[in-house]
Amino acid sequence: MDILTRTPTRPRSAAERWQQKADYFYTLADSEFAAQLAEKFTIPDIQQAEAAFKETLDRISDPELRFEIDSAAGRISRAYQMLGFCAGCLSQETGAHYNY
């Protein structure tokens, strides 16, 4: 294909570029690599929160309700983990700095 005769592609809009980047980060955050990184961190606040949540779940006698609550909390936790991973990647990529 001759570079002079090929049809140029339309430049992506800012929204399209953002969506492409978000899709990339989401895929990366859901990768085995991200899971391995998350396993390396031991954070006392998270461990305490998980223990308190488990104690609370143990007090619920209805197994279906307990499962639904546990599943919902897992989805929320996973969403925050993905958000944190994506925000961290984006801040590193863009060289984001905060002025205090």
N, C-alpha and C. Protein backbone atom coordinates (compact mmCIF):
# COMPACT_ATOMS: atom_id res chain seq x y z
N MET A 1 0.86 -1.18 0.00
CA MET A 1 0.00 0.00 0.00
C MET A 1 0.90 1.23 0.00
N ASP A 2 0.59 2.13 -0.86
CA ASP A 2 1.34 3.36 -0.96
C ASP A 2 0.85 4.35 0.10
N ILE A 3 1.75 4.86 0.89
CA ILE A 3 1.37 5.76 1.99
C ILE A 3 0.73 7.04 1.48
N LEU A 4 1.04 7.43 0.26
CA LEU A 4 0.47 8.67 -0.28
C LEU A 4 -0.96 8.49 -0.77
N THR A 5 -1.37 7.27 -1.03
CA THR A 5 -2.72 7.05 -1.56
C THR A 5 -3.68 6.47 -0.53
N ARG A 6 -3.19 6.14 0.63
CA ARG A 6 -4.10 5.56 1.62
C ARG A 6 -4.99 6.64 2.22
N THR A 7 -6.17 6.23 2.60
CA THR A 7 -7.14 7.14 3.20
C THR A 7 -6.75 7.37 4.66
N PRO A 8 -6.59 8.63 5.06
CA PRO A 8 -6.23 8.88 6.46
C PRO A 8 -7.37 8.51 7.40
N THR A 9 -7.01 8.03 8.56
CA THR A 9 -8.03 7.70 9.55
C THR A 9 -8.44 8.96 10.28
N ARG A 10 -9.69 8.95 10.68
CA ARG A 10 -10.23 10.10 11.43
C ARG A 10 -9.58 10.14 12.80
N PRO A 11 -9.10 11.29 13.24
CA PRO A 11 -8.53 11.37 14.59
C PRO A 11 -9.61 11.07 15.62
N ARG A 12 -9.21 10.39 16.68
CA ARG A 12 -10.17 10.07 17.74
C ARG A 12 -10.51 11.32 18.54
N SER A 13 -11.75 11.36 18.98
CA SER A 13 -12.17 12.47 19.83
C SER A 13 -11.59 12.26 21.23
N ALA A 14 -11.66 13.28 22.04
CA ALA A 14 -11.15 13.18 23.41
C ALA A 14 -11.90 12.08 24.17
N ALA A 15 -13.21 11.98 23.95
CA ALA A 15 -14.00 10.95 24.63
C ALA A 15 -13.59 9.56 24.17
N GLU A 16 -13.31 9.40 22.88
CA GLU A 16 -12.87 8.10 22.36
C GLU A 16 -11.49 7.73 22.89
N ARG A 17 -10.59 8.72 22.95
CA ARG A 17 -9.26 8.46 23.50
C ARG A 17 -9.35 8.07 24.97
N TRP A 18 -10.21 8.75 25.72
CA TRP A 18 -10.38 8.43 27.14
C TRP A 18 -10.96 7.03 27.30
N GLN A 19 -11.94 6.68 26.49
CA GLN A 19 -12.55 5.36 26.58
C GLN A 19 -11.53 4.26 26.24
N GLN A 20 -10.70 4.50 25.24
CA GLN A 20 -9.67 3.53 24.89
C GLN A 20 -8.70 3.33 26.04
N LYS A 21 -8.30 4.43 26.67
CA LYS A 21 -7.39 4.35 27.80
C LYS A 21 -8.06 3.65 28.99
N ALA A 22 -9.31 3.98 29.25
CA ALA A 22 -10.04 3.35 30.35
C ALA A 22 -10.18 1.85 30.11
N ASP A 23 -10.48 1.46 28.88
CA ASP A 23 -10.59 0.04 28.54
C ASP A 23 -9.26 -0.67 28.76
N TYR A 24 -8.17 -0.03 28.36
CA TYR A 24 -6.84 -0.61 28.56
C TYR A 24 -6.56 -0.81 30.05
N PHE A 25 -6.80 0.23 30.85
CA PHE A 25 -6.53 0.13 32.29
C PHE A 25 -7.43 -0.92 32.95
N TYR A 26 -8.69 -0.98 32.52
CA TYR A 26 -9.60 -1.95 33.09
C TYR A 26 -9.12 -3.37 32.80
N THR A 27 -8.68 -3.60 31.57
CA THR A 27 -8.16 -4.92 31.20
C THR A 27 -6.90 -5.24 32.00
N LEU A 28 -6.02 -4.27 32.13
CA LEU A 28 -4.79 -4.46 32.90
C LEU A 28 -5.11 -4.71 34.37
N ALA A 29 -6.06 -3.97 34.92
CA ALA A 29 -6.42 -4.13 36.33
C ALA A 29 -7.06 -5.48 36.60
N ASP A 30 -7.63 -6.09 35.58
CA ASP A 30 -8.28 -7.39 35.74
C ASP A 30 -7.34 -8.54 35.37
N SER A 31 -6.07 -8.23 35.18
CA SER A 31 -5.10 -9.23 34.73
C SER A 31 -4.48 -9.99 35.90
N GLU A 32 -3.80 -11.07 35.58
CA GLU A 32 -3.07 -11.85 36.58
C GLU A 32 -1.98 -11.00 37.22
N PHE A 33 -1.37 -10.13 36.42
CA PHE A 33 -0.33 -9.23 36.93
C PHE A 33 -0.86 -8.35 38.07
N ALA A 34 -2.03 -7.77 37.86
CA ALA A 34 -2.63 -6.92 38.89
C ALA A 34 -2.98 -7.73 40.14
N ALA A 35 -3.47 -8.94 39.94
CA ALA A 35 -3.80 -9.81 41.09
C ALA A 35 -2.54 -10.13 41.89
N GLN A 36 -1.44 -10.38 41.20
CA GLN A 36 -0.17 -10.66 41.89
C GLN A 36 0.30 -9.43 42.67
N LEU A 37 0.14 -8.25 42.09
CA LEU A 37 0.52 -7.02 42.80
C LEU A 37 -0.33 -6.83 44.06
N ALA A 38 -1.63 -7.06 43.94
CA ALA A 38 -2.53 -6.87 45.08
C ALA A 38 -2.19 -7.83 46.21
N GLU A 39 -1.76 -9.03 45.88
CA GLU A 39 -1.42 -10.02 46.90
C GLU A 39 -0.16 -9.65 47.67
N LYS A 40 0.68 -8.80 47.10
CA LYS A 40 1.94 -8.43 47.75
C LYS A 40 1.75 -7.43 48.89
N PHE A 41 0.62 -6.77 48.89
CA PHE A 41 0.39 -5.73 49.90
C PHE A 41 -0.44 -6.27 51.05
N THR A 42 0.06 -6.07 52.25
CA THR A 42 -0.67 -6.42 53.45
C THR A 42 -0.95 -5.11 54.18
N ILE A 43 -2.20 -4.75 54.25
CA ILE A 43 -2.58 -3.47 54.84
C ILE A 43 -3.46 -3.75 56.06
N PRO A 44 -2.99 -3.37 57.26
CA PRO A 44 -3.74 -3.67 58.49
C PRO A 44 -5.18 -3.17 58.47
N ASP A 45 -5.43 -1.99 57.92
CA ASP A 45 -6.81 -1.46 57.88
C ASP A 45 -7.73 -2.40 57.10
N ILE A 46 -7.23 -2.93 56.00
CA ILE A 46 -8.04 -3.84 55.19
C ILE A 46 -8.28 -5.14 55.94
N GLN A 47 -7.25 -5.66 56.57
CA GLN A 47 -7.40 -6.90 57.33
C GLN A 47 -8.40 -6.73 58.47
N GLN A 48 -8.35 -5.58 59.15
CA GLN A 48 -9.30 -5.33 60.24
C GLN A 48 -10.73 -5.20 59.70
N ALA A 49 -10.87 -4.51 58.58
CA ALA A 49 -12.21 -4.35 57.99
C ALA A 49 -12.76 -5.70 57.54
N GLU A 50 -11.91 -6.53 56.94
CA GLU A 50 -12.37 -7.86 56.51
C GLU A 50 -12.77 -8.72 57.71
N ALA A 51 -12.02 -8.64 58.78
CA ALA A 51 -12.36 -9.41 59.99
C ALA A 51 -13.69 -8.94 60.58
N ALA A 52 -13.89 -7.64 60.64
CA ALA A 52 -15.15 -7.10 61.16
C ALA A 52 -16.32 -7.50 60.27
N PHE A 53 -16.12 -7.47 58.97
CA PHE A 53 -17.17 -7.87 58.04
C PHE A 53 -17.51 -9.34 58.21
N LYS A 54 -16.48 -10.17 58.34
CA LYS A 54 -16.71 -11.61 58.53
C LYS A 54 -17.49 -11.87 59.82
N GLU A 55 -17.14 -11.16 60.88
CA GLU A 55 -17.88 -11.32 62.14
C GLU A 55 -19.35 -10.94 61.96
N THR A 56 -19.59 -9.87 61.24
CA THR A 56 -20.96 -9.43 61.00
C THR A 56 -21.72 -10.46 60.16
N LEU A 57 -21.07 -10.96 59.12
CA LEU A 57 -21.72 -11.98 58.28
C LEU A 57 -22.05 -13.23 59.07
N ASP A 58 -21.16 -13.61 59.98
CA ASP A 58 -21.39 -14.82 60.79
C ASP A 58 -22.63 -14.70 61.67
N ARG A 59 -23.06 -13.47 61.98
CA ARG A 59 -24.24 -13.28 62.81
C ARG A 59 -25.55 -13.39 62.02
N ILE A 60 -25.44 -13.44 60.69
CA ILE A 60 -26.64 -13.55 59.85
C ILE A 60 -26.94 -15.03 59.65
N SER A 61 -28.12 -15.44 60.10
CA SER A 61 -28.45 -16.86 60.06
C SER A 61 -28.98 -17.33 58.70
N ASP A 62 -29.57 -16.44 57.93
CA ASP A 62 -30.12 -16.82 56.63
C ASP A 62 -28.98 -16.95 55.61
N PRO A 63 -28.69 -18.17 55.13
CA PRO A 63 -27.56 -18.37 54.23
C PRO A 63 -27.70 -17.64 52.90
N GLU A 64 -28.92 -17.52 52.39
CA GLU A 64 -29.10 -16.81 51.11
C GLU A 64 -28.81 -15.32 51.28
N LEU A 65 -29.32 -14.74 52.35
CA LEU A 65 -29.07 -13.33 52.62
C LEU A 65 -27.58 -13.09 52.86
N ARG A 66 -26.95 -13.97 53.63
CA ARG A 66 -25.52 -13.85 53.90
C ARG A 66 -24.73 -13.89 52.59
N PHE A 67 -25.09 -14.80 51.69
CA PHE A 67 -24.41 -14.92 50.41
C PHE A 67 -24.60 -13.66 49.57
N GLU A 68 -25.83 -13.13 49.53
CA GLU A 68 -26.10 -11.93 48.74
C GLU A 68 -25.32 -10.73 49.26
N ILE A 69 -25.27 -10.58 50.58
CA ILE A 69 -24.52 -9.46 51.17
C ILE A 69 -23.03 -9.62 50.89
N ASP A 70 -22.52 -10.83 51.06
CA ASP A 70 -21.11 -11.09 50.80
C ASP A 70 -20.76 -10.84 49.34
N SER A 71 -21.62 -11.25 48.43
CA SER A 71 -21.39 -11.03 47.00
C SER A 71 -21.41 -9.54 46.66
N ALA A 72 -22.36 -8.82 47.21
CA ALA A 72 -22.45 -7.38 46.95
C ALA A 72 -21.20 -6.66 47.48
N ALA A 73 -20.78 -7.03 48.67
CA ALA A 73 -19.58 -6.41 49.24
C ALA A 73 -18.35 -6.76 48.41
N GLY A 74 -18.30 -7.97 47.88
CA GLY A 74 -17.19 -8.37 47.02
C GLY A 74 -17.14 -7.56 45.74
N ARG A 75 -18.31 -7.31 45.16
CA ARG A 75 -18.35 -6.51 43.94
C ARG A 75 -17.92 -5.07 44.21
N ILE A 76 -18.35 -4.52 45.34
CA ILE A 76 -17.94 -3.16 45.71
C ILE A 76 -16.43 -3.11 45.93
N SER A 77 -15.92 -4.08 46.66
CA SER A 77 -14.49 -4.14 46.93
C SER A 77 -13.69 -4.24 45.64
N ARG A 78 -14.14 -5.09 44.73
CA ARG A 78 -13.45 -5.28 43.45
C ARG A 78 -13.48 -3.99 42.64
N ALA A 79 -14.61 -3.29 42.66
CA ALA A 79 -14.71 -2.03 41.92
C ALA A 79 -13.73 -1.00 42.47
N TYR A 80 -13.62 -0.91 43.79
CA TYR A 80 -12.66 0.04 44.38
C TYR A 80 -11.23 -0.38 44.09
N GLN A 81 -10.96 -1.67 44.07
CA GLN A 81 -9.62 -2.14 43.73
C GLN A 81 -9.28 -1.75 42.30
N MET A 82 -10.22 -1.94 41.38
CA MET A 82 -10.01 -1.57 39.98
C MET A 82 -9.80 -0.06 39.86
N LEU A 83 -10.61 0.70 40.56
CA LEU A 83 -10.49 2.15 40.52
C LEU A 83 -9.12 2.60 41.01
N GLY A 84 -8.69 2.03 42.12
CA GLY A 84 -7.38 2.39 42.66
C GLY A 84 -6.25 2.02 41.71
N PHE A 85 -6.34 0.85 41.11
CA PHE A 85 -5.32 0.42 40.17
C PHE A 85 -5.28 1.35 38.97
N CYS A 86 -6.45 1.65 38.41
CA CYS A 86 -6.52 2.52 37.24
C CYS A 86 -6.03 3.93 37.56
N ALA A 87 -6.44 4.45 38.70
CA ALA A 87 -6.00 5.79 39.09
C ALA A 87 -4.49 5.83 39.29
N GLY A 88 -3.95 4.79 39.89
CA GLY A 88 -2.50 4.73 40.07
C GLY A 88 -1.77 4.68 38.75
N CYS A 89 -2.24 3.87 37.83
CA CYS A 89 -1.62 3.78 36.50
C CYS A 89 -1.71 5.11 35.78
N LEU A 90 -2.88 5.72 35.82
CA LEU A 90 -3.08 6.97 35.11
C LEU A 90 -2.21 8.07 35.71
N SER A 91 -2.10 8.14 37.03
CA SER A 91 -1.29 9.19 37.63
C SER A 91 0.19 8.99 37.31
N GLN A 92 0.63 7.76 37.20
CA GLN A 92 2.02 7.50 36.82
C GLN A 92 2.25 7.83 35.36
N GLU A 93 1.29 7.51 34.53
CA GLU A 93 1.43 7.72 33.09
C GLU A 93 1.43 9.20 32.74
N THR A 94 0.56 9.96 33.38
CA THR A 94 0.44 11.36 33.02
C THR A 94 1.40 12.25 33.80
N GLY A 95 2.11 11.67 34.75
CA GLY A 95 3.00 12.48 35.57
C GLY A 95 2.23 13.45 36.43
N ALA A 96 1.06 13.04 36.84
CA ALA A 96 0.21 13.91 37.64
C ALA A 96 0.92 14.30 38.94
N HIS A 97 0.84 15.56 39.26
CA HIS A 97 1.43 16.07 40.50
C HIS A 97 0.39 16.91 41.21
N TYR A 98 0.47 16.89 42.50
CA TYR A 98 -0.46 17.68 43.30
C TYR A 98 0.31 18.81 43.96
N ASN A 99 -0.26 19.98 43.91
CA ASN A 99 0.34 21.14 44.58
C ASN A 99 -0.40 21.38 45.88
N TYR A 100 0.31 21.25 46.97
CA TYR A 100 -0.31 21.45 48.28
C TYR A 100 0.06 22.79 48.84
